[in-house]
Amino acid sequence: MKQQLLDIQQKTLERIPAITDLKELDNIRVEVLGKKGELTAILKGMGKLSQEERPIIGKVANEVKEAIEEAIAKKKTAIEKEVLDEKLKSQTIDITLDEETKLPGHAHPLYRTISELVDIFTSMGFAVSEGPEIEWAKYNFDYLNVPSNHPSRDEGDTFYFNEDVLLRTQTSTVQVRTMQNKKPPIKVISPGKVYRFDEIDATHSPLFHQLEGLVVDKNITMADLKGTLDYMAKRLLGSETKTVFRPHQFYFTEPSAEMDATCFVCKGKGCRTCKGTGYIELLGCGMVHPNVLRQCGIDPDEYSGFAFGMGLDRLTMFKYGITDLRLLFSGDSEFLSQF
């Protein structure tokens, strides 16, 4: 019986190294060590042995069993490692590959227009000046020569916190503050948000954007105003752009005008955008009213100046062919991705 046990051990240990599959390895375990295995079958015959032989054969049987179990365990570990290594090779992550492509952000069309205008005016020597959006009524109206009975002062047109404090309705307030705090020569633009009591629709919003400009110095004339704004229009809309000035009325400028520019859609031929005229209204402008200069501490007999202001939202809509103002404030990524 001892020799039978040793033969089983030798035969099994010789078979194990050639095994490459865990299922095959388990089949050997069952075949040798299972309930109906070779080793088990031999051990069932130990009852026929004498009392002297049983301990000896029992010891050999345990040593054989332990040797086979140890060989199977080592082989199982080796096969599992080979399987894992093979799996890792087939599922290798290449860390040198680029990460998932992400769409880059870009400037909002409104702020592209603002940036373009700022570049144009700063190239002409203008400085950029900013001011508070919550403003005193005196800066928004009084210093700008607006009469006390003007409709823009009504609560139905302006957002008031109280009778003295409001949300500015125009960035002209920055011009006033600049003139009060800086001696001429002055040459500034003031882009920013303004607020008026408008219902939201395709062409109106209670919040919109303006860019206003101011020049004050000695011997400033209407010719300086026209030359500056004509150059701006050509830079913004194309070198073939023509400008037309129409008389208008503003309380803080005199004389005052509206400036039209060649329609950049039809190039002056007439289309739906310009309502067949070949021109679009671009901005309001004029020579700074002597009363405004005087209230800001500047002598109108020594200095003169011009001012202008344009609605940036409307200009952006014209420039990019946008038909609904609400799209500029919607945050719709599908809409914004077009720009």
C-alpha atoms as a PDB file:
ATOM      1  CA  MET A   1       0.000   0.000   0.000  1.00  0.00           C
ATOM      2  CA  LYS A   2       2.886   2.349   0.785  1.00  0.00           C
ATOM      3  CA  GLN A   3       4.267   1.843  -2.685  1.00  0.00           C
ATOM      4  CA  GLN A   4       0.860   2.504  -4.225  1.00  0.00           C
ATOM      5  CA  LEU A   5       0.682   5.842  -2.396  1.00  0.00           C
ATOM      6  CA  LEU A   6       4.156   6.833  -3.525  1.00  0.00           C
ATOM      7  CA  ASP A   7       3.319   5.852  -7.108  1.00  0.00           C
ATOM      8  CA  ILE A   8       0.208   8.070  -7.050  1.00  0.00           C
ATOM      9  CA  GLN A   9       2.313  10.991  -5.716  1.00  0.00           C
ATOM     10  CA  GLN A  10       4.996  10.594  -8.368  1.00  0.00           C
ATOM     11  CA  LYS A  11       2.532  10.220 -11.229  1.00  0.00           C
ATOM     12  CA  THR A  12       0.456  13.233 -10.101  1.00  0.00           C
ATOM     13  CA  LEU A  13       3.458  15.489  -9.503  1.00  0.00           C
ATOM     14  CA  GLU A  14       4.743  14.644 -12.982  1.00  0.00           C
ATOM     15  CA  ARG A  15       1.404  15.591 -14.599  1.00  0.00           C
ATOM     16  CA  ILE A  16       0.894  18.940 -12.829  1.00  0.00           C
ATOM     17  CA  PRO A  17       3.723  20.984 -14.469  1.00  0.00           C
ATOM     18  CA  ALA A  18       2.306  20.440 -17.970  1.00  0.00           C
ATOM     19  CA  ILE A  19      -1.167  21.716 -17.048  1.00  0.00           C
ATOM     20  CA  THR A  20      -2.091  25.192 -18.410  1.00  0.00           C
ATOM     21  CA  ASP A  21      -5.781  25.355 -17.589  1.00  0.00           C
ATOM     22  CA  LEU A  22      -7.451  25.784 -14.193  1.00  0.00           C
ATOM     23  CA  LYS A  23     -10.277  23.450 -15.138  1.00  0.00           C
ATOM     24  CA  GLU A  24      -7.845  20.694 -16.070  1.00  0.00           C
ATOM     25  CA  LEU A  25      -5.971  21.262 -12.795  1.00  0.00           C
ATOM     26  CA  ASP A  26      -9.189  20.904 -10.832  1.00  0.00           C
ATOM     27  CA  ASN A  27     -10.000  17.696 -12.698  1.00  0.00           C
ATOM     28  CA  ILE A  28      -6.705  16.193 -11.462  1.00  0.00           C
ATOM     29  CA  ARG A  29      -7.504  17.281  -7.910  1.00  0.00           C
ATOM     30  CA  VAL A  30     -10.859  15.523  -8.049  1.00  0.00           C
ATOM     31  CA  GLU A  31      -9.364  12.514  -9.820  1.00  0.00           C
ATOM     32  CA  VAL A  32      -6.720  12.024  -7.102  1.00  0.00           C
ATOM     33  CA  LEU A  33      -8.055  13.644  -3.912  1.00  0.00           C
ATOM     34  CA  GLY A  34     -11.801  13.626  -4.438  1.00  0.00           C
ATOM     35  CA  LYS A  35     -14.266  11.313  -2.652  1.00  0.00           C
ATOM     36  CA  LYS A  36     -13.886   8.801  -5.435  1.00  0.00           C
ATOM     37  CA  GLY A  37     -10.252   9.628  -6.157  1.00  0.00           C
ATOM     38  CA  GLU A  38      -7.313   7.261  -6.348  1.00  0.00           C
ATOM     39  CA  LEU A  39      -5.821   8.315  -3.004  1.00  0.00           C
ATOM     40  CA  THR A  40      -9.169   8.081  -1.247  1.00  0.00           C
ATOM     41  CA  ALA A  41      -9.824   4.643  -2.635  1.00  0.00           C
ATOM     42  CA  ILE A  42      -6.515   3.336  -1.254  1.00  0.00           C
ATOM     43  CA  LEU A  43      -7.073   4.873   2.149  1.00  0.00           C
ATOM     44  CA  LYS A  44     -10.414   3.100   2.420  1.00  0.00           C
ATOM     45  CA  GLY A  45      -8.440  -0.176   2.531  1.00  0.00           C
ATOM     46  CA  MET A  46      -6.518   0.822   5.670  1.00  0.00           C
ATOM     47  CA  GLY A  47      -9.051  -1.071   7.734  1.00  0.00           C
ATOM     48  CA  LYS A  48      -7.468  -4.292   6.570  1.00  0.00           C
ATOM     49  CA  LEU A  49      -4.080  -3.287   7.922  1.00  0.00           C
ATOM     50  CA  SER A  50      -2.681  -4.382  11.230  1.00  0.00           C
ATOM     51  CA  GLN A  51      -2.437  -1.986  14.138  1.00  0.00           C
ATOM     52  CA  GLU A  52       1.295  -1.689  13.594  1.00  0.00           C
ATOM     53  CA  GLU A  53       0.953  -0.817   9.876  1.00  0.00           C
ATOM     54  CA  ARG A  54      -1.850   1.743  10.205  1.00  0.00           C
ATOM     55  CA  PRO A  55       0.253   4.594  11.719  1.00  0.00           C
ATOM     56  CA  ILE A  56       2.994   4.079   9.202  1.00  0.00           C
ATOM     57  CA  ILE A  57       0.674   4.028   6.169  1.00  0.00           C
ATOM     58  CA  GLY A  58      -1.369   6.887   7.653  1.00  0.00           C
ATOM     59  CA  LYS A  59       1.727   9.062   7.916  1.00  0.00           C
ATOM     60  CA  VAL A  60       2.769   8.281   4.339  1.00  0.00           C
ATOM     61  CA  ALA A  61      -0.791   8.942   3.108  1.00  0.00           C
ATOM     62  CA  ASN A  62      -0.826  12.377   4.792  1.00  0.00           C
ATOM     63  CA  GLU A  63       2.579  13.269   3.333  1.00  0.00           C
ATOM     64  CA  VAL A  64       1.457  12.225  -0.146  1.00  0.00           C
ATOM     65  CA  LYS A  65      -1.788  14.198   0.171  1.00  0.00           C
ATOM     66  CA  GLU A  66       0.029  17.300   1.421  1.00  0.00           C
ATOM     67  CA  ALA A  67       2.608  17.116  -1.378  1.00  0.00           C
ATOM     68  CA  ILE A  68      -0.095  16.826  -4.046  1.00  0.00           C
ATOM     69  CA  GLU A  69      -2.203  19.647  -2.510  1.00  0.00           C
ATOM     70  CA  GLU A  70       0.852  21.904  -2.284  1.00  0.00           C
ATOM     71  CA  ALA A  71       1.795  21.223  -5.922  1.00  0.00           C
ATOM     72  CA  ILE A  72      -1.782  21.883  -7.078  1.00  0.00           C
ATOM     73  CA  ALA A  73      -1.952  25.163  -5.063  1.00  0.00           C
ATOM     74  CA  LYS A  74       1.353  26.423  -6.498  1.00  0.00           C
ATOM     75  CA  LYS A  75       0.279  25.538 -10.018  1.00  0.00           C
ATOM     76  CA  LYS A  76      -3.087  27.220  -9.514  1.00  0.00           C
ATOM     77  CA  THR A  77      -1.348  30.426  -8.401  1.00  0.00           C
ATOM     78  CA  ALA A  78       0.971  30.290 -11.409  1.00  0.00           C
ATOM     79  CA  ILE A  79      -1.896  29.756 -13.864  1.00  0.00           C
ATOM     80  CA  GLU A  80      -3.961  32.580 -12.311  1.00  0.00           C
ATOM     81  CA  LYS A  81      -0.976  34.920 -12.622  1.00  0.00           C
ATOM     82  CA  GLU A  82      -0.507  33.967 -16.282  1.00  0.00           C
ATOM     83  CA  VAL A  83      -4.215  34.564 -16.955  1.00  0.00           C
ATOM     84  CA  LEU A  84      -4.067  37.964 -15.232  1.00  0.00           C
ATOM     85  CA  ASP A  85      -0.916  38.969 -17.094  1.00  0.00           C
ATOM     86  CA  GLU A  86      -2.495  38.014 -20.385  1.00  0.00           C
ATOM     87  CA  LYS A  87      -5.628  39.963 -19.505  1.00  0.00           C
ATOM     88  CA  LEU A  88      -3.628  43.045 -18.580  1.00  0.00           C
ATOM     89  CA  LYS A  89      -1.744  42.874 -21.868  1.00  0.00           C
ATOM     90  CA  SER A  90      -4.962  42.722 -23.854  1.00  0.00           C
ATOM     91  CA  GLN A  91      -6.549  45.564 -21.816  1.00  0.00           C
ATOM     92  CA  THR A  92      -3.564  47.874 -21.552  1.00  0.00           C
ATOM     93  CA  ILE A  93      -4.358  51.578 -21.053  1.00  0.00           C
ATOM     94  CA  ASP A  94      -2.075  53.785 -23.101  1.00  0.00           C
ATOM     95  CA  ILE A  95      -1.516  56.801 -20.880  1.00  0.00           C
ATOM     96  CA  THR A  96       0.176  58.622 -23.754  1.00  0.00           C
ATOM     97  CA  LEU A  97      -3.130  58.982 -25.625  1.00  0.00           C
ATOM     98  CA  ASP A  98      -4.877  62.365 -25.595  1.00  0.00           C
ATOM     99  CA  GLU A  99      -7.722  62.713 -23.164  1.00  0.00           C
ATOM    100  CA  GLU A 100     -11.259  62.926 -24.434  1.00  0.00           C
ATOM    101  CA  THR A 101     -11.593  65.975 -26.650  1.00  0.00           C
ATOM    102  CA  LYS A 102     -13.467  68.846 -25.028  1.00  0.00           C
ATOM    103  CA  LEU A 103     -14.933  71.705 -26.992  1.00  0.00           C
ATOM    104  CA  PRO A 104     -13.106  74.947 -26.158  1.00  0.00           C
ATOM    105  CA  GLY A 105     -15.066  77.942 -24.962  1.00  0.00           C
ATOM    106  CA  HIS A 106     -15.274  81.166 -26.937  1.00  0.00           C
ATOM    107  CA  ALA A 107     -16.396  84.731 -26.490  1.00  0.00           C
ATOM    108  CA  HIS A 108     -20.116  85.527 -26.428  1.00  0.00           C
ATOM    109  CA  PRO A 109     -21.139  87.426 -29.612  1.00  0.00           C
ATOM    110  CA  LEU A 110     -22.091  90.470 -27.539  1.00  0.00           C
ATOM    111  CA  TYR A 111     -18.696  90.606 -25.857  1.00  0.00           C
ATOM    112  CA  ARG A 112     -16.956  89.988 -29.161  1.00  0.00           C
ATOM    113  CA  THR A 113     -18.621  93.190 -30.397  1.00  0.00           C
ATOM    114  CA  ILE A 114     -17.609  95.062 -27.235  1.00  0.00           C
ATOM    115  CA  SER A 115     -14.031  93.820 -27.504  1.00  0.00           C
ATOM    116  CA  GLU A 116     -13.840  94.827 -31.158  1.00  0.00           C
ATOM    117  CA  LEU A 117     -15.116  98.340 -30.414  1.00  0.00           C
ATOM    118  CA  VAL A 118     -12.745  98.744 -27.470  1.00  0.00           C
ATOM    119  CA  ASP A 119      -9.832  97.785 -29.736  1.00  0.00           C
ATOM    120  CA  ILE A 120     -10.943 100.320 -32.353  1.00  0.00           C
ATOM    121  CA  PHE A 121     -11.297 103.211 -29.930  1.00  0.00           C
ATOM    122  CA  THR A 122      -8.182 102.488 -27.882  1.00  0.00           C
ATOM    123  CA  SER A 123      -6.217 102.475 -31.147  1.00  0.00           C
ATOM    124  CA  MET A 124      -7.401 106.103 -31.523  1.00  0.00           C
ATOM    125  CA  GLY A 125      -6.147 107.008 -28.060  1.00  0.00           C
ATOM    126  CA  PHE A 126      -9.348 106.558 -26.044  1.00  0.00           C
ATOM    127  CA  ALA A 127      -9.134 105.259 -22.489  1.00  0.00           C
ATOM    128  CA  VAL A 128     -11.744 102.867 -21.072  1.00  0.00           C
ATOM    129  CA  SER A 129     -13.616 104.143 -18.029  1.00  0.00           C
ATOM    130  CA  GLU A 130     -16.223 102.388 -15.888  1.00  0.00           C
ATOM    131  CA  GLY A 131     -18.709 103.510 -13.252  1.00  0.00           C
ATOM    132  CA  PRO A 132     -21.356 102.175 -10.854  1.00  0.00           C
ATOM    133  CA  GLU A 133     -24.531 100.574 -12.194  1.00  0.00           C
ATOM    134  CA  ILE A 134     -26.433 101.723  -9.087  1.00  0.00           C
ATOM    135  CA  GLU A 135     -26.339 105.480  -9.533  1.00  0.00           C
ATOM    136  CA  TRP A 136     -27.499 108.790  -8.077  1.00  0.00           C
ATOM    137  CA  ALA A 137     -30.329 110.439 -10.001  1.00  0.00           C
ATOM    138  CA  LYS A 138     -28.291 113.640 -10.287  1.00  0.00           C
ATOM    139  CA  TYR A 139     -25.607 111.834 -12.306  1.00  0.00           C
ATOM    140  CA  ASN A 140     -28.175 110.033 -14.444  1.00  0.00           C
ATOM    141  CA  PHE A 141     -30.336 113.083 -15.194  1.00  0.00           C
ATOM    142  CA  ASP A 142     -29.488 116.431 -13.592  1.00  0.00           C
ATOM    143  CA  TYR A 143     -25.852 116.777 -14.669  1.00  0.00           C
ATOM    144  CA  LEU A 144     -26.879 115.671 -18.163  1.00  0.00           C
ATOM    145  CA  ASN A 145     -29.277 118.589 -18.592  1.00  0.00           C
ATOM    146  CA  VAL A 146     -32.395 116.343 -18.566  1.00  0.00           C
ATOM    147  CA  PRO A 147     -35.516 118.396 -17.604  1.00  0.00           C
ATOM    148  CA  SER A 148     -37.330 117.451 -14.393  1.00  0.00           C
ATOM    149  CA  ASN A 149     -40.501 116.641 -16.357  1.00  0.00           C
ATOM    150  CA  HIS A 150     -38.809 114.382 -18.927  1.00  0.00           C
ATOM    151  CA  PRO A 151     -40.594 110.973 -19.361  1.00  0.00           C
ATOM    152  CA  SER A 152     -37.355 109.049 -18.757  1.00  0.00           C
ATOM    153  CA  ARG A 153     -37.472 110.184 -15.121  1.00  0.00           C
ATOM    154  CA  ASP A 154     -40.826 108.441 -14.551  1.00  0.00           C
ATOM    155  CA  GLU A 155     -41.007 105.267 -12.476  1.00  0.00           C
ATOM    156  CA  GLY A 156     -42.588 103.611 -15.491  1.00  0.00           C
ATOM    157  CA  ASP A 157     -39.315 104.001 -17.399  1.00  0.00           C
ATOM    158  CA  THR A 158     -36.591 103.781 -14.723  1.00  0.00           C
ATOM    159  CA  PHE A 159     -35.856 101.389 -11.837  1.00  0.00           C
ATOM    160  CA  TYR A 160     -35.713 103.463  -8.629  1.00  0.00           C
ATOM    161  CA  PHE A 161     -34.521 102.364  -5.184  1.00  0.00           C
ATOM    162  CA  ASN A 162     -35.751 105.698  -3.867  1.00  0.00           C
ATOM    163  CA  GLU A 163     -36.164 109.151  -5.401  1.00  0.00           C
ATOM    164  CA  ASP A 164     -32.393 109.737  -5.345  1.00  0.00           C
ATOM    165  CA  VAL A 165     -30.977 106.297  -6.225  1.00  0.00           C
ATOM    166  CA  LEU A 166     -31.639 104.195  -9.319  1.00  0.00           C
ATOM    167  CA  LEU A 167     -30.242 101.686 -11.772  1.00  0.00           C
ATOM    168  CA  ARG A 168     -28.495 103.784 -14.413  1.00  0.00           C
ATOM    169  CA  THR A 169     -30.359 104.120 -17.695  1.00  0.00           C
ATOM    170  CA  GLN A 170     -27.271 105.135 -19.658  1.00  0.00           C
ATOM    171  CA  THR A 171     -23.491 105.000 -19.339  1.00  0.00           C
ATOM    172  CA  SER A 172     -23.403 108.788 -19.790  1.00  0.00           C
ATOM    173  CA  THR A 173     -23.110 108.854 -15.999  1.00  0.00           C
ATOM    174  CA  VAL A 174     -19.501 107.702 -16.438  1.00  0.00           C
ATOM    175  CA  GLN A 175     -18.850 110.708 -18.693  1.00  0.00           C
ATOM    176  CA  VAL A 176     -20.148 113.051 -16.001  1.00  0.00           C
ATOM    177  CA  ARG A 177     -17.975 111.450 -13.328  1.00  0.00           C
ATOM    178  CA  THR A 178     -14.947 111.620 -15.635  1.00  0.00           C
ATOM    179  CA  MET A 179     -15.438 115.332 -16.367  1.00  0.00           C
ATOM    180  CA  GLN A 180     -15.884 116.108 -12.665  1.00  0.00           C
ATOM    181  CA  ASN A 181     -12.732 114.256 -11.658  1.00  0.00           C
ATOM    182  CA  LYS A 182     -10.375 114.911 -14.560  1.00  0.00           C
ATOM    183  CA  LYS A 183      -9.281 118.075 -16.261  1.00  0.00           C
ATOM    184  CA  PRO A 184      -9.322 118.275 -20.082  1.00  0.00           C
ATOM    185  CA  PRO A 185      -8.080 116.917 -22.376  1.00  0.00           C
ATOM    186  CA  ILE A 186     -10.481 113.994 -21.917  1.00  0.00           C
ATOM    187  CA  LYS A 187     -10.869 111.073 -24.305  1.00  0.00           C
ATOM    188  CA  VAL A 188     -12.775 108.089 -22.892  1.00  0.00           C
ATOM    189  CA  ILE A 189     -15.259 105.366 -23.791  1.00  0.00           C
ATOM    190  CA  SER A 190     -17.537 103.699 -21.247  1.00  0.00           C
ATOM    191  CA  PRO A 191     -19.023 100.303 -22.159  1.00  0.00           C
ATOM    192  CA  GLY A 192     -21.389  98.651 -19.694  1.00  0.00           C
ATOM    193  CA  LYS A 193     -24.819  97.461 -18.616  1.00  0.00           C
ATOM    194  CA  VAL A 194     -27.807  99.803 -18.347  1.00  0.00           C
ATOM    195  CA  TYR A 195     -31.393  99.263 -17.201  1.00  0.00           C
ATOM    196  CA  ARG A 196     -34.800 100.506 -18.316  1.00  0.00           C
ATOM    197  CA  PHE A 197     -38.327  99.449 -17.497  1.00  0.00           C
ATOM    198  CA  ASP A 198     -39.010  97.540 -20.737  1.00  0.00           C
ATOM    199  CA  GLU A 199     -41.032  94.389 -21.293  1.00  0.00           C
ATOM    200  CA  ILE A 200     -38.969  91.457 -22.575  1.00  0.00           C
ATOM    201  CA  ASP A 201     -39.583  90.691 -26.245  1.00  0.00           C
ATOM    202  CA  ALA A 202     -37.617  90.087 -29.446  1.00  0.00           C
ATOM    203  CA  THR A 203     -36.234  93.647 -29.505  1.00  0.00           C
ATOM    204  CA  HIS A 204     -36.448  94.857 -25.870  1.00  0.00           C
ATOM    205  CA  SER A 205     -34.966  93.885 -22.523  1.00  0.00           C
ATOM    206  CA  PRO A 206     -34.881  95.576 -19.096  1.00  0.00           C
ATOM    207  CA  LEU A 207     -31.122  94.980 -19.166  1.00  0.00           C
ATOM    208  CA  PHE A 208     -29.007  95.885 -22.179  1.00  0.00           C
ATOM    209  CA  HIS A 209     -25.559  97.236 -23.019  1.00  0.00           C
ATOM    210  CA  GLN A 210     -24.250 100.582 -24.218  1.00  0.00           C
ATOM    211  CA  LEU A 211     -20.936 102.025 -25.246  1.00  0.00           C
ATOM    212  CA  GLU A 212     -20.617 105.777 -24.929  1.00  0.00           C
ATOM    213  CA  GLY A 213     -17.694 108.017 -25.764  1.00  0.00           C
ATOM    214  CA  LEU A 214     -16.559 111.484 -24.776  1.00  0.00           C
ATOM    215  CA  VAL A 215     -13.907 113.877 -26.043  1.00  0.00           C
ATOM    216  CA  VAL A 216     -13.306 117.256 -24.382  1.00  0.00           C
ATOM    217  CA  ASP A 217     -10.469 119.602 -25.352  1.00  0.00           C
ATOM    218  CA  LYS A 218      -9.830 122.977 -26.862  1.00  0.00           C
ATOM    219  CA  ASN A 219     -11.177 123.622 -30.367  1.00  0.00           C
ATOM    220  CA  ILE A 220     -13.128 120.363 -30.699  1.00  0.00           C
ATOM    221  CA  THR A 221     -15.664 120.633 -33.525  1.00  0.00           C
ATOM    222  CA  MET A 222     -18.388 118.631 -35.232  1.00  0.00           C
ATOM    223  CA  ALA A 223     -15.797 117.693 -37.871  1.00  0.00           C
ATOM    224  CA  ASP A 224     -13.789 115.854 -35.196  1.00  0.00           C
ATOM    225  CA  LEU A 225     -16.909 113.947 -34.177  1.00  0.00           C
ATOM    226  CA  LYS A 226     -17.775 112.964 -37.759  1.00  0.00           C
ATOM    227  CA  GLY A 227     -14.224 111.924 -38.579  1.00  0.00           C
ATOM    228  CA  THR A 228     -13.904 109.789 -35.448  1.00  0.00           C
ATOM    229  CA  LEU A 229     -17.228 107.990 -35.922  1.00  0.00           C
ATOM    230  CA  ASP A 230     -16.773 107.520 -39.658  1.00  0.00           C
ATOM    231  CA  TYR A 231     -13.409 105.843 -39.000  1.00  0.00           C
ATOM    232  CA  MET A 232     -14.988 103.639 -36.318  1.00  0.00           C
ATOM    233  CA  ALA A 233     -17.767 102.539 -38.695  1.00  0.00           C
ATOM    234  CA  LYS A 234     -15.292 101.641 -41.432  1.00  0.00           C
ATOM    235  CA  ARG A 235     -13.171  99.613 -39.002  1.00  0.00           C
ATOM    236  CA  LEU A 236     -16.201  97.829 -37.579  1.00  0.00           C
ATOM    237  CA  LEU A 237     -18.269  97.217 -40.705  1.00  0.00           C
ATOM    238  CA  GLY A 238     -15.787  97.387 -43.578  1.00  0.00           C
ATOM    239  CA  SER A 239     -13.755  99.989 -45.444  1.00  0.00           C
ATOM    240  CA  GLU A 240     -16.550 100.599 -48.008  1.00  0.00           C
ATOM    241  CA  THR A 241     -18.970 101.697 -45.277  1.00  0.00           C
ATOM    242  CA  LYS A 242     -20.487 105.158 -45.650  1.00  0.00           C
ATOM    243  CA  THR A 243     -21.995 107.233 -42.855  1.00  0.00           C
ATOM    244  CA  VAL A 244     -24.849 109.728 -42.845  1.00  0.00           C
ATOM    245  CA  PHE A 245     -25.644 112.188 -40.042  1.00  0.00           C
ATOM    246  CA  ARG A 246     -29.261 113.256 -39.466  1.00  0.00           C
ATOM    247  CA  PRO A 247     -30.294 116.120 -37.138  1.00  0.00           C
ATOM    248  CA  HIS A 248     -31.782 114.932 -33.853  1.00  0.00           C
ATOM    249  CA  GLN A 249     -32.463 116.219 -30.357  1.00  0.00           C
ATOM    250  CA  PHE A 250     -30.702 115.156 -27.150  1.00  0.00           C
ATOM    251  CA  TYR A 251     -30.663 117.205 -23.954  1.00  0.00           C
ATOM    252  CA  PHE A 252     -26.977 116.707 -23.216  1.00  0.00           C
ATOM    253  CA  THR A 253     -25.665 117.592 -26.705  1.00  0.00           C
ATOM    254  CA  GLU A 254     -26.208 120.567 -29.003  1.00  0.00           C
ATOM    255  CA  PRO A 255     -26.178 120.275 -31.953  1.00  0.00           C
ATOM    256  CA  SER A 256     -27.196 116.597 -31.939  1.00  0.00           C
ATOM    257  CA  ALA A 257     -27.438 113.933 -34.606  1.00  0.00           C
ATOM    258  CA  GLU A 258     -28.236 110.305 -35.358  1.00  0.00           C
ATOM    259  CA  MET A 259     -25.597 108.513 -37.402  1.00  0.00           C
ATOM    260  CA  ASP A 260     -26.596 105.912 -39.978  1.00  0.00           C
ATOM    261  CA  ALA A 261     -24.132 103.538 -41.641  1.00  0.00           C
ATOM    262  CA  THR A 262     -24.255 101.493 -44.810  1.00  0.00           C
ATOM    263  CA  CYS A 263     -26.158  98.274 -44.141  1.00  0.00           C
ATOM    264  CA  PHE A 264     -23.563  95.541 -43.758  1.00  0.00           C
ATOM    265  CA  VAL A 265     -26.013  92.918 -44.994  1.00  0.00           C
ATOM    266  CA  CYS A 266     -26.871  94.382 -48.397  1.00  0.00           C
ATOM    267  CA  LYS A 267     -23.966  96.880 -48.651  1.00  0.00           C
ATOM    268  CA  GLY A 268     -26.360  99.748 -49.324  1.00  0.00           C
ATOM    269  CA  LYS A 269     -28.569  98.067 -51.933  1.00  0.00           C
ATOM    270  CA  GLY A 270     -31.595  97.757 -49.657  1.00  0.00           C
ATOM    271  CA  CYS A 271     -32.821  94.677 -47.803  1.00  0.00           C
ATOM    272  CA  ARG A 272     -35.110  93.518 -45.010  1.00  0.00           C
ATOM    273  CA  THR A 273     -32.513  94.369 -42.342  1.00  0.00           C
ATOM    274  CA  CYS A 274     -32.303  98.038 -43.358  1.00  0.00           C
ATOM    275  CA  LYS A 275     -35.974  98.174 -44.469  1.00  0.00           C
ATOM    276  CA  GLY A 276     -34.922  98.927 -48.020  1.00  0.00           C
ATOM    277  CA  THR A 277     -33.059 102.158 -47.199  1.00  0.00           C
ATOM    278  CA  GLY A 278     -29.517 100.819 -47.589  1.00  0.00           C
ATOM    279  CA  TYR A 279     -28.623 102.291 -44.172  1.00  0.00           C
ATOM    280  CA  ILE A 280     -29.031 101.291 -40.544  1.00  0.00           C
ATOM    281  CA  GLU A 281     -29.213 103.593 -37.538  1.00  0.00           C
ATOM    282  CA  LEU A 282     -26.005 103.043 -35.593  1.00  0.00           C
ATOM    283  CA  LEU A 283     -25.786 105.617 -32.807  1.00  0.00           C
ATOM    284  CA  GLY A 284     -26.664 109.007 -31.393  1.00  0.00           C
ATOM    285  CA  CYS A 285     -24.111 111.786 -31.038  1.00  0.00           C
ATOM    286  CA  GLY A 286     -23.501 115.496 -30.778  1.00  0.00           C
ATOM    287  CA  MET A 287     -21.456 118.328 -29.316  1.00  0.00           C
ATOM    288  CA  VAL A 288     -21.500 118.344 -25.513  1.00  0.00           C
ATOM    289  CA  HIS A 289     -24.055 120.908 -24.309  1.00  0.00           C
ATOM    290  CA  PRO A 290     -22.450 123.957 -22.627  1.00  0.00           C
ATOM    291  CA  ASN A 291     -24.701 123.433 -19.585  1.00  0.00           C
ATOM    292  CA  VAL A 292     -23.297 119.922 -19.111  1.00  0.00           C
ATOM    293  CA  LEU A 293     -19.721 121.200 -19.312  1.00  0.00           C
ATOM    294  CA  ARG A 294     -20.524 124.000 -16.898  1.00  0.00           C
ATOM    295  CA  GLN A 295     -22.198 121.685 -14.323  1.00  0.00           C
ATOM    296  CA  CYS A 296     -19.129 119.436 -14.431  1.00  0.00           C
ATOM    297  CA  GLY A 297     -16.787 122.332 -13.690  1.00  0.00           C
ATOM    298  CA  ILE A 298     -15.474 122.867 -17.236  1.00  0.00           C
ATOM    299  CA  ASP A 299     -15.558 126.295 -18.849  1.00  0.00           C
ATOM    300  CA  PRO A 300     -17.532 126.011 -22.143  1.00  0.00           C
ATOM    301  CA  ASP A 301     -15.910 129.213 -23.375  1.00  0.00           C
ATOM    302  CA  GLU A 302     -12.482 127.560 -23.205  1.00  0.00           C
ATOM    303  CA  TYR A 303     -13.327 123.931 -23.967  1.00  0.00           C
ATOM    304  CA  SER A 304     -15.704 122.056 -26.242  1.00  0.00           C
ATOM    305  CA  GLY A 305     -16.334 118.386 -26.789  1.00  0.00           C
ATOM    306  CA  PHE A 306     -18.386 115.716 -28.474  1.00  0.00           C
ATOM    307  CA  ALA A 307     -20.172 112.641 -27.149  1.00  0.00           C
ATOM    308  CA  PHE A 308     -21.776 109.572 -28.684  1.00  0.00           C
ATOM    309  CA  GLY A 309     -23.572 106.450 -27.546  1.00  0.00           C
ATOM    310  CA  MET A 310     -24.653 103.197 -29.145  1.00  0.00           C
ATOM    311  CA  GLY A 311     -26.729 100.196 -28.138  1.00  0.00           C
ATOM    312  CA  LEU A 312     -24.413  97.190 -28.244  1.00  0.00           C
ATOM    313  CA  ASP A 313     -27.119  94.513 -28.171  1.00  0.00           C
ATOM    314  CA  ARG A 314     -28.838  95.924 -31.237  1.00  0.00           C
ATOM    315  CA  LEU A 315     -25.509  96.390 -33.012  1.00  0.00           C
ATOM    316  CA  THR A 316     -24.573  92.766 -32.258  1.00  0.00           C
ATOM    317  CA  MET A 317     -27.907  91.586 -33.651  1.00  0.00           C
ATOM    318  CA  PHE A 318     -27.303  93.507 -36.867  1.00  0.00           C
ATOM    319  CA  LYS A 319     -23.710  92.358 -37.145  1.00  0.00           C
ATOM    320  CA  TYR A 320     -24.458  88.641 -36.732  1.00  0.00           C
ATOM    321  CA  GLY A 321     -27.938  88.471 -38.236  1.00  0.00           C
ATOM    322  CA  ILE A 322     -29.663  87.648 -34.918  1.00  0.00           C
ATOM    323  CA  THR A 323     -33.417  88.245 -35.027  1.00  0.00           C
ATOM    324  CA  ASP A 324     -34.360  87.838 -31.362  1.00  0.00           C
ATOM    325  CA  LEU A 325     -32.655  89.802 -28.578  1.00  0.00           C
ATOM    326  CA  ARG A 326     -33.600  87.149 -26.018  1.00  0.00           C
ATOM    327  CA  LEU A 327     -31.161  84.710 -27.603  1.00  0.00           C
ATOM    328  CA  LEU A 328     -28.240  86.860 -26.388  1.00  0.00           C
ATOM    329  CA  PHE A 329     -29.308  86.258 -22.771  1.00  0.00           C
ATOM    330  CA  SER A 330     -30.597  82.696 -23.037  1.00  0.00           C
ATOM    331  CA  GLY A 331     -27.341  80.815 -22.426  1.00  0.00           C
ATOM    332  CA  ASP A 332     -28.426  78.369 -25.140  1.00  0.00           C
ATOM    333  CA  SER A 333     -25.237  76.472 -26.019  1.00  0.00           C
ATOM    334  CA  GLU A 334     -26.625  75.382 -29.406  1.00  0.00           C
ATOM    335  CA  PHE A 335     -27.196  79.022 -30.337  1.00  0.00           C
ATOM    336  CA  LEU A 336     -23.894  80.286 -28.920  1.00  0.00           C
ATOM    337  CA  SER A 337     -21.856  77.526 -30.595  1.00  0.00           C
ATOM    338  CA  GLN A 338     -22.560  79.205 -33.946  1.00  0.00           C
ATOM    339  CA  PHE A 339     -20.213  82.021 -32.987  1.00  0.00           C
END
